[in-house]
PDB file of all heavy atoms in Angstrom:
ATOM      1  N   GLY A   1      37.958 -30.928 238.531  1.00  0.00           N
ATOM      2  CA  GLY A   1      37.052 -29.968 237.971  1.00  0.00           C
ATOM      3  C   GLY A   1      36.510 -29.032 238.988  1.00  0.00           C
ATOM      4  O   GLY A   1      36.648 -29.269 240.271  1.00  0.00           O
ATOM      5  N   ASP A   2      36.049 -27.949 238.645  1.00  0.00           N
ATOM      6  CA  ASP A   2      35.384 -26.892 239.536  1.00  0.00           C
ATOM      7  C   ASP A   2      33.853 -26.944 239.687  1.00  0.00           C
ATOM      8  O   ASP A   2      33.299 -26.074 240.214  1.00  0.00           O
ATOM      9  CB  ASP A   2      35.902 -25.486 239.204  1.00  0.00           C
ATOM     10  CG  ASP A   2      35.458 -25.112 237.825  1.00  0.00           C
ATOM     11  OD1 ASP A   2      34.695 -25.855 237.165  1.00  0.00           O
ATOM     12  OD2 ASP A   2      35.849 -23.902 237.407  1.00  0.00           O
ATOM     13  N   GLY A   3      33.278 -27.939 239.271  1.00  0.00           N
ATOM     14  CA  GLY A   3      31.982 -28.139 239.252  1.00  0.00           C
ATOM     15  C   GLY A   3      31.227 -27.815 237.944  1.00  0.00           C
ATOM     16  O   GLY A   3      30.127 -28.351 237.364  1.00  0.00           O
ATOM     17  N   ARG A   4      31.875 -26.832 237.270  1.00  0.00           N
ATOM     18  CA  ARG A   4      31.444 -26.463 235.889  1.00  0.00           C
ATOM     19  C   ARG A   4      32.134 -27.176 234.738  1.00  0.00           C
ATOM     20  O   ARG A   4      31.638 -27.507 233.753  1.00  0.00           O
ATOM     21  CB  ARG A   4      31.553 -24.927 235.628  1.00  0.00           C
ATOM     22  CG  ARG A   4      30.605 -24.094 236.572  1.00  0.00           C
ATOM     23  CD  ARG A   4      30.908 -22.710 236.408  1.00  0.00           C
ATOM     24  NE  ARG A   4      32.211 -22.390 237.048  1.00  0.00           N
ATOM     25  CZ  ARG A   4      32.719 -21.169 237.127  1.00  0.00           C
ATOM     26  NH1 ARG A   4      32.141 -20.058 236.595  1.00  0.00           N
ATOM     27  NH2 ARG A   4      33.954 -20.963 237.649  1.00  0.00           N
ATOM     28  N   THR A   5      33.521 -27.448 234.900  1.00  0.00           N
ATOM     29  CA  THR A   5      34.339 -28.194 234.024  1.00  0.00           C
ATOM     30  C   THR A   5      34.749 -29.500 234.621  1.00  0.00           C
ATOM     31  O   THR A   5      35.033 -29.586 235.856  1.00  0.00           O
ATOM     32  CB  THR A   5      35.536 -27.325 233.659  1.00  0.00           C
ATOM     33  OG1 THR A   5      36.362 -27.020 234.921  1.00  0.00           O
ATOM     34  CG2 THR A   5      35.124 -26.040 233.039  1.00  0.00           C
ATOM     35  N   PRO A   6      34.815 -30.591 233.781  1.00  0.00           N
ATOM     36  CA  PRO A   6      35.243 -31.905 234.503  1.00  0.00           C
ATOM     37  C   PRO A   6      36.619 -31.922 234.780  1.00  0.00           C
ATOM     38  O   PRO A   6      37.419 -31.142 234.192  1.00  0.00           O
ATOM     39  CB  PRO A   6      34.686 -32.886 233.309  1.00  0.00           C
ATOM     40  CG  PRO A   6      34.868 -31.983 232.078  1.00  0.00           C
ATOM     41  CD  PRO A   6      34.505 -30.728 232.430  1.00  0.00           C
ATOM     42  N   GLY A   7      36.925 -32.794 235.617  1.00  0.00           N
ATOM     43  CA  GLY A   7      38.460 -33.088 235.843  1.00  0.00           C
ATOM     44  C   GLY A   7      39.175 -33.699 234.584  1.00  0.00           C
ATOM     45  O   GLY A   7      38.495 -34.224 233.770  1.00  0.00           O
ATOM     46  N   ARG A   8      40.325 -33.542 234.578  1.00  0.00           N
ATOM     47  CA  ARG A   8      41.201 -34.048 233.463  1.00  0.00           C
ATOM     48  C   ARG A   8      42.568 -34.523 233.933  1.00  0.00           C
ATOM     49  O   ARG A   8      43.296 -34.030 234.921  1.00  0.00           O
ATOM     50  CB  ARG A   8      41.322 -33.056 232.329  1.00  0.00           C
ATOM     51  CG  ARG A   8      42.263 -31.946 232.566  1.00  0.00           C
ATOM     52  CD  ARG A   8      42.207 -30.845 231.440  1.00  0.00           C
ATOM     53  NE  ARG A   8      43.216 -29.890 231.767  1.00  0.00           N
ATOM     54  CZ  ARG A   8      44.449 -29.712 231.280  1.00  0.00           C
ATOM     55  NH1 ARG A   8      44.954 -30.874 230.555  1.00  0.00           N
ATOM     56  NH2 ARG A   8      45.318 -28.750 231.568  1.00  0.00           N
ATOM     57  N   PHE A   9      43.138 -35.569 233.293  1.00  0.00           N
ATOM     58  CA  PHE A   9      44.486 -36.113 233.380  1.00  0.00           C
ATOM     59  C   PHE A   9      45.437 -35.090 232.655  1.00  0.00           C
ATOM     60  O   PHE A   9      45.127 -34.653 231.601  1.00  0.00           O
ATOM     61  CB  PHE A   9      44.776 -37.525 232.929  1.00  0.00           C
ATOM     62  CG  PHE A   9      43.830 -38.454 233.651  1.00  0.00           C
ATOM     63  CD1 PHE A   9      42.733 -38.995 233.069  1.00  0.00           C
ATOM     64  CD2 PHE A   9      44.025 -38.803 235.084  1.00  0.00           C
ATOM     65  CE1 PHE A   9      41.858 -39.986 233.896  1.00  0.00           C
ATOM     66  CE2 PHE A   9      43.164 -39.588 235.719  1.00  0.00           C
ATOM     67  CZ  PHE A   9      42.143 -40.207 235.157  1.00  0.00           C
ATOM     68  N   ARG A  10      46.674 -34.775 233.265  1.00  0.00           N
ATOM     69  CA  ARG A  10      47.589 -33.958 232.588  1.00  0.00           C
ATOM     70  C   ARG A  10      48.998 -34.494 232.866  1.00  0.00           C
ATOM     71  O   ARG A  10      49.286 -34.667 233.919  1.00  0.00           O
ATOM     72  CB  ARG A  10      47.300 -32.577 233.135  1.00  0.00           C
ATOM     73  CG  ARG A  10      48.215 -31.440 232.533  1.00  0.00           C
ATOM     74  CD  ARG A  10      47.840 -30.206 233.056  1.00  0.00           C
ATOM     75  NE  ARG A  10      47.967 -30.053 234.650  1.00  0.00           N
ATOM     76  CZ  ARG A  10      49.066 -29.697 235.211  1.00  0.00           C
ATOM     77  NH1 ARG A  10      50.181 -29.507 234.586  1.00  0.00           N
ATOM     78  NH2 ARG A  10      49.021 -29.722 236.590  1.00  0.00           N
ATOM     79  N   ALA A  11      49.814 -34.341 231.689  1.00  0.00           N
ATOM     80  CA  ALA A  11      51.267 -34.519 231.948  1.00  0.00           C
ATOM     81  C   ALA A  11      51.811 -33.283 232.403  1.00  0.00           C
ATOM     82  O   ALA A  11      51.398 -32.193 231.964  1.00  0.00           O
ATOM     83  CB  ALA A  11      51.865 -34.913 230.550  1.00  0.00           C
ATOM     84  N   THR A  12      52.747 -33.230 233.335  1.00  0.00           N
ATOM     85  CA  THR A  12      53.335 -32.115 233.990  1.00  0.00           C
ATOM     86  C   THR A  12      54.368 -31.395 233.189  1.00  0.00           C
ATOM     87  O   THR A  12      54.722 -30.351 233.329  1.00  0.00           O
ATOM     88  CB  THR A  12      53.871 -32.391 235.378  1.00  0.00           C
ATOM     89  OG1 THR A  12      54.969 -33.396 235.196  1.00  0.00           O
ATOM     90  CG2 THR A  12      52.921 -32.908 236.342  1.00  0.00           C
ATOM     91  N   GLY A  13      54.759 -32.141 231.981  1.00  0.00           N
ATOM     92  CA  GLY A  13      55.855 -31.600 231.073  1.00  0.00           C
ATOM     93  C   GLY A  13      57.230 -32.042 231.481  1.00  0.00           C
ATOM     94  O   GLY A  13      58.266 -31.581 230.853  1.00  0.00           O
ATOM     95  N   ILE A  14      57.294 -32.736 232.667  1.00  0.00           N
ATOM     96  CA  ILE A  14      58.689 -33.198 233.110  1.00  0.00           C
ATOM     97  C   ILE A  14      58.958 -34.553 232.497  1.00  0.00           C
ATOM     98  O   ILE A  14      58.243 -35.541 232.757  1.00  0.00           O
ATOM     99  CB  ILE A  14      58.681 -33.268 234.656  1.00  0.00           C
ATOM    100  CG1 ILE A  14      58.341 -31.795 235.258  1.00  0.00           C
ATOM    101  CG2 ILE A  14      59.969 -33.811 235.024  1.00  0.00           C
ATOM    102  CD1 ILE A  14      58.177 -31.834 236.798  1.00  0.00           C
ATOM    103  N   LYS A  15      60.114 -34.774 231.934  1.00  0.00           N
ATOM    104  CA  LYS A  15      60.417 -36.062 231.350  1.00  0.00           C
ATOM    105  C   LYS A  15      61.217 -36.839 232.556  1.00  0.00           C
ATOM    106  O   LYS A  15      62.151 -36.175 233.071  1.00  0.00           O
ATOM    107  CB  LYS A  15      61.389 -35.949 230.234  1.00  0.00           C
ATOM    108  CG  LYS A  15      61.688 -37.136 229.514  1.00  0.00           C
ATOM    109  CD  LYS A  15      62.618 -37.088 228.256  1.00  0.00           C
ATOM    110  CE  LYS A  15      62.833 -38.403 227.552  1.00  0.00           C
ATOM    111  NZ  LYS A  15      63.716 -38.233 226.339  1.00  0.00           N
ATOM    112  N   PRO A  16      60.802 -37.982 232.760  1.00  0.00           N
ATOM    113  CA  PRO A  16      61.453 -38.749 234.028  1.00  0.00           C
ATOM    114  C   PRO A  16      62.779 -39.002 233.735  1.00  0.00           C
ATOM    115  O   PRO A  16      63.385 -39.225 232.576  1.00  0.00           O
ATOM    116  CB  PRO A  16      60.486 -40.009 233.978  1.00  0.00           C
ATOM    117  CG  PRO A  16      59.965 -40.151 232.650  1.00  0.00           C
ATOM    118  CD  PRO A  16      59.663 -38.679 232.107  1.00  0.00           C
ATOM    119  N   ARG A  17      63.589 -39.005 234.806  1.00  0.00           N
ATOM    120  CA  ARG A  17      65.104 -39.279 234.796  1.00  0.00           C
ATOM    121  C   ARG A  17      65.316 -40.645 234.424  1.00  0.00           C
ATOM    122  O   ARG A  17      66.300 -40.992 233.964  1.00  0.00           O
ATOM    123  CB  ARG A  17      65.724 -38.935 236.228  1.00  0.00           C
ATOM    124  CG  ARG A  17      65.654 -37.477 236.520  1.00  0.00           C
ATOM    125  CD  ARG A  17      66.522 -37.231 237.896  1.00  0.00           C
ATOM    126  NE  ARG A  17      66.522 -35.861 238.330  1.00  0.00           N
ATOM    127  CZ  ARG A  17      67.125 -35.383 239.250  1.00  0.00           C
ATOM    128  NH1 ARG A  17      67.848 -36.217 239.943  1.00  0.00           N
ATOM    129  NH2 ARG A  17      67.016 -34.140 239.711  1.00  0.00           N
ATOM    130  N   CYS A  18      64.363 -41.629 234.688  1.00  0.00           N
ATOM    131  CA  CYS A  18      64.551 -42.989 234.389  1.00  0.00           C
ATOM    132  C   CYS A  18      64.310 -43.278 232.852  1.00  0.00           C
ATOM    133  O   CYS A  18      64.459 -44.373 232.472  1.00  0.00           O
ATOM    134  CB  CYS A  18      63.365 -43.847 235.120  1.00  0.00           C
ATOM    135  SG  CYS A  18      61.704 -43.390 234.739  1.00  0.00           S
ATOM    136  N   ALA A  19      64.096 -42.227 232.023  1.00  0.00           N
ATOM    137  CA  ALA A  19      63.963 -42.434 230.663  1.00  0.00           C
ATOM    138  C   ALA A  19      64.933 -43.256 230.049  1.00  0.00           C
ATOM    139  O   ALA A  19      64.808 -44.095 229.203  1.00  0.00           O
ATOM    140  CB  ALA A  19      63.686 -41.135 229.989  1.00  0.00           C
ATOM    141  N   ASP A  20      66.230 -42.806 230.328  1.00  0.00           N
ATOM    142  CA  ASP A  20      67.411 -43.491 229.708  1.00  0.00           C
ATOM    143  C   ASP A  20      67.448 -45.024 230.122  1.00  0.00           C
ATOM    144  O   ASP A  20      67.677 -45.867 229.351  1.00  0.00           O
ATOM    145  CB  ASP A  20      68.738 -42.847 230.128  1.00  0.00           C
ATOM    146  CG  ASP A  20      68.814 -41.382 229.560  1.00  0.00           C
ATOM    147  OD1 ASP A  20      68.079 -41.126 228.535  1.00  0.00           O
ATOM    148  OD2 ASP A  20      69.634 -40.499 230.171  1.00  0.00           O
ATOM    149  N   LYS A  21      67.112 -45.278 231.280  1.00  0.00           N
ATOM    150  CA  LYS A  21      67.184 -46.618 231.812  1.00  0.00           C
ATOM    151  C   LYS A  21      66.084 -47.560 231.080  1.00  0.00           C
ATOM    152  O   LYS A  21      66.298 -48.542 230.638  1.00  0.00           O
ATOM    153  CB  LYS A  21      66.858 -46.707 233.281  1.00  0.00           C
ATOM    154  CG  LYS A  21      66.813 -48.069 233.830  1.00  0.00           C
ATOM    155  CD  LYS A  21      66.600 -48.108 235.355  1.00  0.00           C
ATOM    156  CE  LYS A  21      66.517 -49.547 235.977  1.00  0.00           C
ATOM    157  NZ  LYS A  21      66.252 -49.591 237.361  1.00  0.00           N
ATOM    158  N   LEU A  22      64.797 -46.891 230.882  1.00  0.00           N
ATOM    159  CA  LEU A  22      63.806 -47.470 230.102  1.00  0.00           C
ATOM    160  C   LEU A  22      64.200 -47.781 228.642  1.00  0.00           C
ATOM    161  O   LEU A  22      63.922 -48.824 228.194  1.00  0.00           O
ATOM    162  CB  LEU A  22      62.513 -46.730 230.238  1.00  0.00           C
ATOM    163  CG  LEU A  22      61.935 -46.630 231.515  1.00  0.00           C
ATOM    164  CD1 LEU A  22      60.606 -45.733 231.632  1.00  0.00           C
ATOM    165  CD2 LEU A  22      61.552 -47.978 232.186  1.00  0.00           C
ATOM    166  N   MET A  23      64.747 -46.795 228.027  1.00  0.00           N
ATOM    167  CA  MET A  23      65.128 -46.901 226.648  1.00  0.00           C
ATOM    168  C   MET A  23      66.180 -48.067 226.499  1.00  0.00           C
ATOM    169  O   MET A  23      66.196 -48.735 225.569  1.00  0.00           O
ATOM    170  CB  MET A  23      65.683 -45.542 226.139  1.00  0.00           C
ATOM    171  CG  MET A  23      64.631 -44.493 225.982  1.00  0.00           C
ATOM    172  SD  MET A  23      63.320 -44.778 224.864  1.00  0.00           S
ATOM    173  CE  MET A  23      64.239 -44.679 223.327  1.00  0.00           C
ATOM    174  N   ALA A  24      67.186 -48.043 227.441  1.00  0.00           N
ATOM    175  CA  ALA A  24      68.212 -48.979 227.444  1.00  0.00           C
ATOM    176  C   ALA A  24      67.682 -50.425 227.534  1.00  0.00           C
ATOM    177  O   ALA A  24      68.230 -51.393 227.091  1.00  0.00           O
ATOM    178  CB  ALA A  24      69.295 -48.907 228.527  1.00  0.00           C
TER     179      ALA A  24
END
């Protein structure tokens, strides 16, 4: 945050390459 707004968690929009391995 910048002091006026609180910080927040955010997904970057990138799907991990390990997704197929996790699904399998």
